[in-house]
Each structure stands twice: as C-alpha cells, then as structure tokens.
Amino acid sequence: MGRLVLLGMLCGSLHLLDGEPVSGEVNSSVMKKPSKDETVLWHRRLGYMSMKNLQILTRKEVIDKRRIGVLEFCESCVMGKQKRLSFNIGKHDTCEALRYVQDD
C-alpha cells in the first residue's frame, strides 16, 4: 500500500481535506479541481442567500468579489418558493348520519 490518497491541512484541531469521495469496490478519494467561482458555495453556506445580497457582501468585502460570479438556476430555491394548494371545501349534501363513511 503506502500510497497518498488525499491531501489536507491541519487548521487548529480540524483536518481540512481537499477532495471528494469516490464510490466503487474500494472507498477512496480523488483531488477536486480548484474552482475560482464560489458563488454556489456561498449561496448554500449562507442559507440560499439571493444574488443581490451576495453582491452586497462583496461590496462590503466580506466575500472576495473575484470568486463570485453569476448564480445559475437553483432547484432548491425554486422548490422552496412554491406554495401548496389547499384542499377544496367539501360539500355536504346528505341528511343521513354516517352516509359518507358507509357510501357504497
């Protein structure tokens, strides 16, 4: 064995690993290609923050503006904004007790 599988660095008492898991016969890891665009990462980290608010954070120099681009389609945001349809109000036109329960 004796192969290097994953690189990381020690930050305080936390080991930060640079890679992602790979499924297969043997569990191992591969190096991720470094990405300069962190728009999606910050969008998710900050609770699916809007692009407008991300740009405000870049102007205040909280986030590096060179790493923030355009936020493409986010399925989670779309699904979260959908509203559920309520049930129709039922019409009760029977006079007999338990008629709806025993309806044949």
PDB file of N, CA and C in Angstrom:
ATOM      1  N   MET A   1       0.845  -1.177   0.000  1.00  0.00           N
ATOM      2  CA  MET A   1       0.000   0.000   0.000  1.00  0.00           C
ATOM      3  C   MET A   1       0.893   1.244   0.000  1.00  0.00           C
ATOM      4  N   GLY A   2       0.898   2.015   1.065  1.00  0.00           N
ATOM      5  CA  GLY A   2       1.768   3.173   1.191  1.00  0.00           C
ATOM      6  C   GLY A   2       1.561   4.245   0.136  1.00  0.00           C
ATOM      7  N   ARG A   3       0.338   4.395  -0.402  1.00  0.00           N
ATOM      8  CA  ARG A   3       0.058   5.426  -1.402  1.00  0.00           C
ATOM      9  C   ARG A   3      -0.590   6.631  -0.758  1.00  0.00           C
ATOM     10  N   LEU A   4      -0.342   7.799  -1.315  1.00  0.00           N
ATOM     11  CA  LEU A   4      -1.012   9.021  -0.893  1.00  0.00           C
ATOM     12  C   LEU A   4      -2.408   9.016  -1.506  1.00  0.00           C
ATOM     13  N   VAL A   5      -3.411   9.119  -0.674  1.00  0.00           N
ATOM     14  CA  VAL A   5      -4.777   9.041  -1.158  1.00  0.00           C
ATOM     15  C   VAL A   5      -5.452  10.409  -1.150  1.00  0.00           C
ATOM     16  N   LEU A   6      -5.150  11.232  -0.163  1.00  0.00           N
ATOM     17  CA  LEU A   6      -5.834  12.510  -0.013  1.00  0.00           C
ATOM     18  C   LEU A   6      -4.917  13.489   0.679  1.00  0.00           C
ATOM     19  N   LEU A   7      -4.929  14.726   0.233  1.00  0.00           N
ATOM     20  CA  LEU A   7      -4.150  15.776   0.867  1.00  0.00           C
ATOM     21  C   LEU A   7      -5.057  16.630   1.738  1.00  0.00           C
ATOM     22  N   GLY A   8      -4.497  17.173   2.772  1.00  0.00           N
ATOM     23  CA  GLY A   8      -5.244  18.057   3.643  1.00  0.00           C
ATOM     24  C   GLY A   8      -4.291  18.891   4.465  1.00  0.00           C
ATOM     25  N   MET A   9      -4.859  19.771   5.279  1.00  0.00           N
ATOM     26  CA  MET A   9      -4.019  20.565   6.165  1.00  0.00           C
ATOM     27  C   MET A   9      -4.691  20.679   7.517  1.00  0.00           C
ATOM     28  N   LEU A  10      -3.880  20.859   8.529  1.00  0.00           N
ATOM     29  CA  LEU A  10      -4.375  20.974   9.885  1.00  0.00           C
ATOM     30  C   LEU A  10      -4.649  22.436  10.176  1.00  0.00           C
ATOM     31  N   CYS A  11      -5.886  22.744  10.554  1.00  0.00           N
ATOM     32  CA  CYS A  11      -6.282  24.113  10.877  1.00  0.00           C
ATOM     33  C   CYS A  11      -6.809  24.096  12.306  1.00  0.00           C
ATOM     34  N   GLY A  12      -5.978  24.464  13.262  1.00  0.00           N
ATOM     35  CA  GLY A  12      -6.340  24.334  14.666  1.00  0.00           C
ATOM     36  C   GLY A  12      -6.385  22.873  15.024  1.00  0.00           C
ATOM     37  N   SER A  13      -7.518  22.388  15.451  1.00  0.00           N
ATOM     38  CA  SER A  13      -7.675  20.969  15.755  1.00  0.00           C
ATOM     39  C   SER A  13      -8.509  20.249  14.696  1.00  0.00           C
ATOM     40  N   LEU A  14      -8.735  20.914  13.554  1.00  0.00           N
ATOM     41  CA  LEU A  14      -9.572  20.368  12.493  1.00  0.00           C
ATOM     42  C   LEU A  14      -8.727  20.060  11.263  1.00  0.00           C
ATOM     43  N   HIS A  15      -8.894  18.878  10.706  1.00  0.00           N
ATOM     44  CA  HIS A  15      -8.197  18.495   9.479  1.00  0.00           C
ATOM     45  C   HIS A  15      -9.084  18.827   8.294  1.00  0.00           C
ATOM     46  N   LEU A  16      -8.645  19.736   7.432  1.00  0.00           N
ATOM     47  CA  LEU A  16      -9.389  20.115   6.232  1.00  0.00           C
ATOM     48  C   LEU A  16      -8.844  19.315   5.057  1.00  0.00           C
ATOM     49  N   LEU A  17      -9.686  18.471   4.472  1.00  0.00           N
ATOM     50  CA  LEU A  17      -9.273  17.616   3.374  1.00  0.00           C
ATOM     51  C   LEU A  17      -9.712  18.223   2.058  1.00  0.00           C
ATOM     52  N   ASP A  18      -8.852  18.150   1.045  1.00  0.00           N
ATOM     53  CA  ASP A  18      -9.160  18.689  -0.270  1.00  0.00           C
ATOM     54  C   ASP A  18      -9.429  17.524  -1.211  1.00  0.00           C
ATOM     55  N   GLY A  19     -10.664  17.136  -1.354  1.00  0.00           N
ATOM     56  CA  GLY A  19     -11.022  16.020  -2.217  1.00  0.00           C
ATOM     57  C   GLY A  19     -12.478  15.683  -2.073  1.00  0.00           C
ATOM     58  N   GLU A  20     -12.893  14.632  -2.763  1.00  0.00           N
ATOM     59  CA  GLU A  20     -14.276  14.179  -2.665  1.00  0.00           C
ATOM     60  C   GLU A  20     -14.292  12.654  -2.702  1.00  0.00           C
ATOM     61  N   PRO A  21     -15.286  12.024  -2.061  1.00  0.00           N
ATOM     62  CA  PRO A  21     -15.341  10.565  -2.044  1.00  0.00           C
ATOM     63  C   PRO A  21     -15.681  10.002  -3.423  1.00  0.00           C
ATOM     64  N   VAL A  22     -15.158   8.840  -3.692  1.00  0.00           N
ATOM     65  CA  VAL A  22     -15.435   8.134  -4.944  1.00  0.00           C
ATOM     66  C   VAL A  22     -15.987   6.767  -4.578  1.00  0.00           C
ATOM     67  N   SER A  23     -17.149   6.414  -5.127  1.00  0.00           N
ATOM     68  CA  SER A  23     -17.750   5.119  -4.837  1.00  0.00           C
ATOM     69  C   SER A  23     -17.220   4.077  -5.803  1.00  0.00           C
ATOM     70  N   GLY A  24     -17.103   2.872  -5.320  1.00  0.00           N
ATOM     71  CA  GLY A  24     -16.636   1.774  -6.145  1.00  0.00           C
ATOM     72  C   GLY A  24     -16.390   0.570  -5.261  1.00  0.00           C
ATOM     73  N   GLU A  25     -15.544  -0.336  -5.728  1.00  0.00           N
ATOM     74  CA  GLU A  25     -15.228  -1.506  -4.923  1.00  0.00           C
ATOM     75  C   GLU A  25     -14.460  -1.116  -3.667  1.00  0.00           C
ATOM     76  N   VAL A  26     -13.601  -0.128  -3.799  1.00  0.00           N
ATOM     77  CA  VAL A  26     -12.806   0.336  -2.671  1.00  0.00           C
ATOM     78  C   VAL A  26     -13.143   1.797  -2.451  1.00  0.00           C
ATOM     79  N   ASN A  27     -13.402   2.181  -1.224  1.00  0.00           N
ATOM     80  CA  ASN A  27     -13.653   3.582  -0.940  1.00  0.00           C
ATOM     81  C   ASN A  27     -12.338   4.330  -0.957  1.00  0.00           C
ATOM     82  N   SER A  28     -12.265   5.349  -1.773  1.00  0.00           N
ATOM     83  CA  SER A  28     -11.063   6.168  -1.860  1.00  0.00           C
ATOM     84  C   SER A  28     -11.486   7.594  -2.171  1.00  0.00           C
ATOM     85  N   SER A  29     -10.550   8.440  -2.444  1.00  0.00           N
ATOM     86  CA  SER A  29     -10.844   9.833  -2.734  1.00  0.00           C
ATOM     87  C   SER A  29     -10.034  10.303  -3.923  1.00  0.00           C
ATOM     88  N   VAL A  30     -10.503  11.359  -4.561  1.00  0.00           N
ATOM     89  CA  VAL A  30      -9.765  11.977  -5.652  1.00  0.00           C
ATOM     90  C   VAL A  30      -9.671  13.474  -5.384  1.00  0.00           C
ATOM     91  N   MET A  31      -8.656  14.074  -5.918  1.00  0.00           N
ATOM     92  CA  MET A  31      -8.477  15.511  -5.748  1.00  0.00           C
ATOM     93  C   MET A  31      -9.515  16.256  -6.587  1.00  0.00           C
ATOM     94  N   LYS A  32     -10.117  17.288  -6.003  1.00  0.00           N
ATOM     95  CA  LYS A  32     -11.023  18.133  -6.757  1.00  0.00           C
ATOM     96  C   LYS A  32     -10.223  19.215  -7.451  1.00  0.00           C
ATOM     97  N   LYS A  33     -10.660  19.576  -8.632  1.00  0.00           N
ATOM     98  CA  LYS A  33     -10.017  20.663  -9.345  1.00  0.00           C
ATOM     99  C   LYS A  33     -10.362  21.968  -8.626  1.00  0.00           C
ATOM    100  N   PRO A  34      -9.378  22.796  -8.308  1.00  0.00           N
ATOM    101  CA  PRO A  34      -9.695  24.044  -7.616  1.00  0.00           C
ATOM    102  C   PRO A  34     -10.573  24.931  -8.490  1.00  0.00           C
ATOM    103  N   SER A  35     -11.607  25.473  -7.895  1.00  0.00           N
ATOM    104  CA  SER A  35     -12.542  26.322  -8.627  1.00  0.00           C
ATOM    105  C   SER A  35     -12.423  27.747  -8.109  1.00  0.00           C
ATOM    106  N   LYS A  36     -12.391  28.678  -9.046  1.00  0.00           N
ATOM    107  CA  LYS A  36     -12.301  30.074  -8.637  1.00  0.00           C
ATOM    108  C   LYS A  36     -13.680  30.649  -8.357  1.00  0.00           C
ATOM    109  N   ASP A  37     -14.721  30.066  -8.953  1.00  0.00           N
ATOM    110  CA  ASP A  37     -16.082  30.560  -8.756  1.00  0.00           C
ATOM    111  C   ASP A  37     -16.706  29.869  -7.544  1.00  0.00           C
ATOM    112  N   GLU A  38     -16.944  30.644  -6.503  1.00  0.00           N
ATOM    113  CA  GLU A  38     -17.517  30.107  -5.274  1.00  0.00           C
ATOM    114  C   GLU A  38     -18.938  30.609  -5.047  1.00  0.00           C
ATOM    115  N   THR A  39     -19.604  31.023  -6.114  1.00  0.00           N
ATOM    116  CA  THR A  39     -20.949  31.584  -5.987  1.00  0.00           C
ATOM    117  C   THR A  39     -21.920  30.586  -5.373  1.00  0.00           C
ATOM    118  N   VAL A  40     -21.971  29.374  -5.908  1.00  0.00           N
ATOM    119  CA  VAL A  40     -22.891  28.353  -5.403  1.00  0.00           C
ATOM    120  C   VAL A  40     -22.531  27.975  -3.971  1.00  0.00           C
ATOM    121  N   LEU A  41     -21.240  27.872  -3.683  1.00  0.00           N
ATOM    122  CA  LEU A  41     -20.783  27.532  -2.341  1.00  0.00           C
ATOM    123  C   LEU A  41     -21.276  28.552  -1.312  1.00  0.00           C
ATOM    124  N   TRP A  42     -21.080  29.848  -1.590  1.00  0.00           N
ATOM    125  CA  TRP A  42     -21.524  30.885  -0.657  1.00  0.00           C
ATOM    126  C   TRP A  42     -23.045  30.974  -0.606  1.00  0.00           C
ATOM    127  N   HIS A  43     -23.695  30.748  -1.730  1.00  0.00           N
ATOM    128  CA  HIS A  43     -25.162  30.749  -1.779  1.00  0.00           C
ATOM    129  C   HIS A  43     -25.713  29.705  -0.808  1.00  0.00           C
ATOM    130  N   ARG A  44     -25.124  28.511  -0.798  1.00  0.00           N
ATOM    131  CA  ARG A  44     -25.572  27.436   0.087  1.00  0.00           C
ATOM    132  C   ARG A  44     -25.141  27.680   1.528  1.00  0.00           C
ATOM    133  N   ARG A  45     -23.903  28.121   1.720  1.00  0.00           N
ATOM    134  CA  ARG A  45     -23.397  28.363   3.080  1.00  0.00           C
ATOM    135  C   ARG A  45     -24.233  29.391   3.831  1.00  0.00           C
ATOM    136  N   LEU A  46     -24.712  30.383   3.103  1.00  0.00           N
ATOM    137  CA  LEU A  46     -25.453  31.472   3.740  1.00  0.00           C
ATOM    138  C   LEU A  46     -26.964  31.273   3.644  1.00  0.00           C
ATOM    139  N   GLY A  47     -27.398  30.032   3.650  1.00  0.00           N
ATOM    140  CA  GLY A  47     -28.824  29.726   3.696  1.00  0.00           C
ATOM    141  C   GLY A  47     -29.560  30.076   2.428  1.00  0.00           C
ATOM    142  N   TYR A  48     -28.934  29.824   1.259  1.00  0.00           N
ATOM    143  CA  TYR A  48     -29.527  30.094  -0.046  1.00  0.00           C
ATOM    144  C   TYR A  48     -29.837  31.579  -0.214  1.00  0.00           C
ATOM    145  N   MET A  49     -28.846  32.383   0.122  1.00  0.00           N
ATOM    146  CA  MET A  49     -28.944  33.838   0.012  1.00  0.00           C
ATOM    147  C   MET A  49     -29.086  34.263  -1.449  1.00  0.00           C
ATOM    148  N   SER A  50     -29.823  35.337  -1.671  1.00  0.00           N
ATOM    149  CA  SER A  50     -30.044  35.827  -3.030  1.00  0.00           C
ATOM    150  C   SER A  50     -28.763  36.419  -3.605  1.00  0.00           C
ATOM    151  N   MET A  51     -28.722  36.508  -4.929  1.00  0.00           N
ATOM    152  CA  MET A  51     -27.560  37.068  -5.614  1.00  0.00           C
ATOM    153  C   MET A  51     -27.376  38.526  -5.232  1.00  0.00           C
ATOM    154  N   LYS A  52     -28.461  39.229  -5.037  1.00  0.00           N
ATOM    155  CA  LYS A  52     -28.400  40.643  -4.650  1.00  0.00           C
ATOM    156  C   LYS A  52     -27.662  40.793  -3.317  1.00  0.00           C
ATOM    157  N   ASN A  53     -28.008  39.968  -2.344  1.00  0.00           N
ATOM    158  CA  ASN A  53     -27.358  40.055  -1.038  1.00  0.00           C
ATOM    159  C   ASN A  53     -25.908  39.575  -1.083  1.00  0.00           C
ATOM    160  N   LEU A  54     -25.600  38.592  -1.951  1.00  0.00           N
ATOM    161  CA  LEU A  54     -24.207  38.181  -2.121  1.00  0.00           C
ATOM    162  C   LEU A  54     -23.372  39.331  -2.677  1.00  0.00           C
ATOM    163  N   GLN A  55     -23.939  40.093  -3.587  1.00  0.00           N
ATOM    164  CA  GLN A  55     -23.226  41.236  -4.150  1.00  0.00           C
ATOM    165  C   GLN A  55     -23.009  42.317  -3.096  1.00  0.00           C
ATOM    166  N   ILE A  56     -23.965  42.481  -2.189  1.00  0.00           N
ATOM    167  CA  ILE A  56     -23.784  43.438  -1.085  1.00  0.00           C
ATOM    168  C   ILE A  56     -22.609  43.015  -0.219  1.00  0.00           C
ATOM    169  N   LEU A  57     -22.498  41.713   0.054  1.00  0.00           N
ATOM    170  CA  LEU A  57     -21.375  41.214   0.856  1.00  0.00           C
ATOM    171  C   LEU A  57     -20.042  41.391   0.134  1.00  0.00           C
ATOM    172  N   THR A  58     -20.043  41.300  -1.191  1.00  0.00           N
ATOM    173  CA  THR A  58     -18.794  41.531  -1.924  1.00  0.00           C
ATOM    174  C   THR A  58     -18.413  43.006  -1.887  1.00  0.00           C
ATOM    175  N   ARG A  59     -19.394  43.903  -1.949  1.00  0.00           N
ATOM    176  CA  ARG A  59     -19.092  45.340  -1.852  1.00  0.00           C
ATOM    177  C   ARG A  59     -18.537  45.703  -0.481  1.00  0.00           C
ATOM    178  N   LYS A  60     -19.021  45.021   0.561  1.00  0.00           N
ATOM    179  CA  LYS A  60     -18.522  45.261   1.915  1.00  0.00           C
ATOM    180  C   LYS A  60     -17.238  44.482   2.191  1.00  0.00           C
ATOM    181  N   GLU A  61     -16.749  43.771   1.162  1.00  0.00           N
ATOM    182  CA  GLU A  61     -15.518  42.987   1.222  1.00  0.00           C
ATOM    183  C   GLU A  61     -15.562  41.878   2.268  1.00  0.00           C
ATOM    184  N   VAL A  62     -16.766  41.335   2.507  1.00  0.00           N
ATOM    185  CA  VAL A  62     -16.918  40.166   3.370  1.00  0.00           C
ATOM    186  C   VAL A  62     -16.549  38.916   2.573  1.00  0.00           C
ATOM    187  N   ILE A  63     -16.893  38.923   1.288  1.00  0.00           N
ATOM    188  CA  ILE A  63     -16.583  37.829   0.365  1.00  0.00           C
ATOM    189  C   ILE A  63     -15.728  38.407  -0.756  1.00  0.00           C
ATOM    190  N   ASP A  64     -14.748  37.636  -1.206  1.00  0.00           N
ATOM    191  CA  ASP A  64     -13.873  38.065  -2.301  1.00  0.00           C
ATOM    192  C   ASP A  64     -14.673  38.150  -3.594  1.00  0.00           C
ATOM    193  N   LYS A  65     -14.786  39.366  -4.155  1.00  0.00           N
ATOM    194  CA  LYS A  65     -15.620  39.559  -5.341  1.00  0.00           C
ATOM    195  C   LYS A  65     -15.072  38.877  -6.585  1.00  0.00           C
ATOM    196  N   ARG A  66     -13.786  38.526  -6.598  1.00  0.00           N
ATOM    197  CA  ARG A  66     -13.212  37.818  -7.749  1.00  0.00           C
ATOM    198  C   ARG A  66     -13.696  36.379  -7.809  1.00  0.00           C
ATOM    199  N   ARG A  67     -14.201  35.861  -6.700  1.00  0.00           N
ATOM    200  CA  ARG A  67     -14.665  34.466  -6.651  1.00  0.00           C
ATOM    201  C   ARG A  67     -16.193  34.343  -6.759  1.00  0.00           C
ATOM    202  N   ILE A  68     -16.882  35.467  -6.912  1.00  0.00           N
ATOM    203  CA  ILE A  68     -18.336  35.447  -7.039  1.00  0.00           C
ATOM    204  C   ILE A  68     -18.702  35.804  -8.471  1.00  0.00           C
ATOM    205  N   GLY A  69     -19.454  34.914  -9.105  1.00  0.00           N
ATOM    206  CA  GLY A  69     -19.889  35.136 -10.488  1.00  0.00           C
ATOM    207  C   GLY A  69     -21.394  35.286 -10.539  1.00  0.00           C
ATOM    208  N   VAL A  70     -22.000  34.627 -11.491  1.00  0.00           N
ATOM    209  CA  VAL A  70     -23.450  34.671 -11.681  1.00  0.00           C
ATOM    210  C   VAL A  70     -24.041  33.390 -11.122  1.00  0.00           C
ATOM    211  N   LEU A  71     -25.080  33.527 -10.346  1.00  0.00           N
ATOM    212  CA  LEU A  71     -25.766  32.364  -9.786  1.00  0.00           C
ATOM    213  C   LEU A  71     -26.739  31.832 -10.823  1.00  0.00           C
ATOM    214  N   GLU A  72     -26.493  30.610 -11.252  1.00  0.00           N
ATOM    215  CA  GLU A  72     -27.371  29.979 -12.236  1.00  0.00           C
ATOM    216  C   GLU A  72     -28.626  29.458 -11.533  1.00  0.00           C
ATOM    217  N   PHE A  73     -29.340  28.585 -12.163  1.00  0.00           N
ATOM    218  CA  PHE A  73     -30.578  28.005 -11.649  1.00  0.00           C
ATOM    219  C   PHE A  73     -30.333  27.228 -10.356  1.00  0.00           C
ATOM    220  N   CYS A  74     -31.128  27.469  -9.327  1.00  0.00           N
ATOM    221  CA  CYS A  74     -31.032  26.740  -8.058  1.00  0.00           C
ATOM    222  C   CYS A  74     -32.378  26.053  -7.804  1.00  0.00           C
ATOM    223  N   GLU A  75     -32.403  24.744  -7.972  1.00  0.00           N
ATOM    224  CA  GLU A  75     -33.645  23.981  -7.824  1.00  0.00           C
ATOM    225  C   GLU A  75     -34.213  24.096  -6.415  1.00  0.00           C
ATOM    226  N   SER A  76     -33.346  24.103  -5.403  1.00  0.00           N
ATOM    227  CA  SER A  76     -33.808  24.200  -4.015  1.00  0.00           C
ATOM    228  C   SER A  76     -34.551  25.511  -3.771  1.00  0.00           C
ATOM    229  N   CYS A  77     -34.065  26.597  -4.350  1.00  0.00           N
ATOM    230  CA  CYS A  77     -34.742  27.890  -4.185  1.00  0.00           C
ATOM    231  C   CYS A  77     -36.112  27.885  -4.859  1.00  0.00           C
ATOM    232  N   VAL A  78     -36.181  27.305  -6.035  1.00  0.00           N
ATOM    233  CA  VAL A  78     -37.459  27.246  -6.757  1.00  0.00           C
ATOM    234  C   VAL A  78     -38.468  26.402  -5.986  1.00  0.00           C
ATOM    235  N   MET A  79     -38.027  25.240  -5.514  1.00  0.00           N
ATOM    236  CA  MET A  79     -38.930  24.366  -4.771  1.00  0.00           C
ATOM    237  C   MET A  79     -39.388  25.024  -3.468  1.00  0.00           C
ATOM    238  N   GLY A  80     -38.514  25.764  -2.819  1.00  0.00           N
ATOM    239  CA  GLY A  80     -38.855  26.426  -1.562  1.00  0.00           C
ATOM    240  C   GLY A  80     -39.853  27.560  -1.732  1.00  0.00           C
ATOM    241  N   LYS A  81     -39.927  28.130  -2.937  1.00  0.00           N
ATOM    242  CA  LYS A  81     -40.834  29.253  -3.171  1.00  0.00           C
ATOM    243  C   LYS A  81     -42.207  28.819  -3.649  1.00  0.00           C
ATOM    244  N   GLN A  82     -42.357  27.534  -3.973  1.00  0.00           N
ATOM    245  CA  GLN A  82     -43.662  27.061  -4.419  1.00  0.00           C
ATOM    246  C   GLN A  82     -44.617  26.992  -3.240  1.00  0.00           C
ATOM    247  N   LYS A  83     -45.863  27.310  -3.495  1.00  0.00           N
ATOM    248  CA  LYS A  83     -46.840  27.182  -2.417  1.00  0.00           C
ATOM    249  C   LYS A  83     -47.710  25.962  -2.666  1.00  0.00           C
ATOM    250  N   ARG A  84     -48.144  25.386  -1.605  1.00  0.00           N
ATOM    251  CA  ARG A  84     -49.001  24.202  -1.708  1.00  0.00           C
ATOM    252  C   ARG A  84     -50.436  24.622  -1.941  1.00  0.00           C
ATOM    253  N   LEU A  85     -51.126  23.842  -2.747  1.00  0.00           N
ATOM    254  CA  LEU A  85     -52.539  24.112  -2.980  1.00  0.00           C
ATOM    255  C   LEU A  85     -53.344  23.533  -1.830  1.00  0.00           C
ATOM    256  N   SER A  86     -54.339  24.285  -1.410  1.00  0.00           N
ATOM    257  CA  SER A  86     -55.182  23.798  -0.324  1.00  0.00           C
ATOM    258  C   SER A  86     -56.266  22.881  -0.896  1.00  0.00           C
ATOM    259  N   PHE A  87     -56.852  22.085  -0.030  1.00  0.00           N
ATOM    260  CA  PHE A  87     -57.944  21.200  -0.439  1.00  0.00           C
ATOM    261  C   PHE A  87     -59.191  22.024  -0.709  1.00  0.00           C
ATOM    262  N   ASN A  88     -60.009  21.534  -1.634  1.00  0.00           N
ATOM    263  CA  ASN A  88     -61.293  22.186  -1.885  1.00  0.00           C
ATOM    264  C   ASN A  88     -62.199  22.001  -0.680  1.00  0.00           C
ATOM    265  N   ILE A  89     -63.085  22.959  -0.492  1.00  0.00           N
ATOM    266  CA  ILE A  89     -64.054  22.864   0.603  1.00  0.00           C
ATOM    267  C   ILE A  89     -65.090  21.820   0.212  1.00  0.00           C
ATOM    268  N   GLY A  90     -65.299  20.844   1.060  1.00  0.00           N
ATOM    269  CA  GLY A  90     -66.230  19.758   0.774  1.00  0.00           C
ATOM    270  C   GLY A  90     -67.681  20.211   0.837  1.00  0.00           C
ATOM    271  N   LYS A  91     -68.493  19.611  -0.017  1.00  0.00           N
ATOM    272  CA  LYS A  91     -69.929  19.895   0.001  1.00  0.00           C
ATOM    273  C   LYS A  91     -70.607  18.742   0.717  1.00  0.00           C
ATOM    274  N   HIS A  92     -71.371  19.048   1.701  1.00  0.00           N
ATOM    275  CA  HIS A  92     -72.094  18.033   2.467  1.00  0.00           C
ATOM    276  C   HIS A  92     -73.582  18.165   2.148  1.00  0.00           C
ATOM    277  N   ASP A  93     -74.068  17.261   1.301  1.00  0.00           N
ATOM    278  CA  ASP A  93     -75.472  17.355   0.875  1.00  0.00           C
ATOM    279  C   ASP A  93     -76.287  16.132   1.302  1.00  0.00           C
ATOM    280  N   THR A  94     -75.869  15.462   2.335  1.00  0.00           N
ATOM    281  CA  THR A  94     -76.618  14.318   2.826  1.00  0.00           C
ATOM    282  C   THR A  94     -77.233  14.649   4.178  1.00  0.00           C
ATOM    283  N   CYS A  95     -78.352  14.011   4.464  1.00  0.00           N
ATOM    284  CA  CYS A  95     -79.027  14.225   5.734  1.00  0.00           C
ATOM    285  C   CYS A  95     -78.851  13.026   6.656  1.00  0.00           C
ATOM    286  N   GLU A  96     -78.347  11.936   6.114  1.00  0.00           N
ATOM    287  CA  GLU A  96     -78.209  10.720   6.901  1.00  0.00           C
ATOM    288  C   GLU A  96     -76.878  10.711   7.652  1.00  0.00           C
ATOM    289  N   ALA A  97     -76.940  10.239   8.896  1.00  0.00           N
ATOM    290  CA  ALA A  97     -75.722  10.127   9.697  1.00  0.00           C
ATOM    291  C   ALA A  97     -74.823   9.047   9.119  1.00  0.00           C
ATOM    292  N   LEU A  98     -73.543   9.284   9.054  1.00  0.00           N
ATOM    293  CA  LEU A  98     -72.524   8.358   8.571  1.00  0.00           C
ATOM    294  C   LEU A  98     -72.687   7.957   7.107  1.00  0.00           C
ATOM    295  N   ARG A  99     -73.405   8.706   6.312  1.00  0.00           N
ATOM    296  CA  ARG A  99     -73.620   8.373   4.909  1.00  0.00           C
ATOM    297  C   ARG A  99     -72.298   8.396   4.125  1.00  0.00           C
ATOM    298  N   TYR A 100     -71.414   9.369   4.424  1.00  0.00           N
ATOM    299  CA  TYR A 100     -70.140   9.443   3.720  1.00  0.00           C
ATOM    300  C   TYR A 100     -69.218   8.296   4.111  1.00  0.00           C
ATOM    301  N   VAL A 101     -69.296   7.821   5.332  1.00  0.00           N
ATOM    302  CA  VAL A 101     -68.448   6.745   5.786  1.00  0.00           C
ATOM    303  C   VAL A 101     -68.873   5.423   5.155  1.00  0.00           C
ATOM    304  N   GLN A 102     -70.187   5.195   5.041  1.00  0.00           N
ATOM    305  CA  GLN A 102     -70.700   3.917   4.568  1.00  0.00           C
ATOM    306  C   GLN A 102     -71.125   3.943   3.108  1.00  0.00           C
ATOM    307  N   ASP A 103     -70.783   4.970   2.376  1.00  0.00           N
ATOM    308  CA  ASP A 103     -71.209   5.095   0.986  1.00  0.00           C
ATOM    309  C   ASP A 103     -70.648   3.949   0.166  1.00  0.00           C
ATOM    310  N   ASP A 104     -71.526   3.248  -0.566  1.00  0.00           N
ATOM    311  CA  ASP A 104     -71.098   2.074  -1.354  1.00  0.00           C
ATOM    312  C   ASP A 104     -70.688   2.505  -2.724  1.00  0.00           C
TER     313      ASP A 104
END
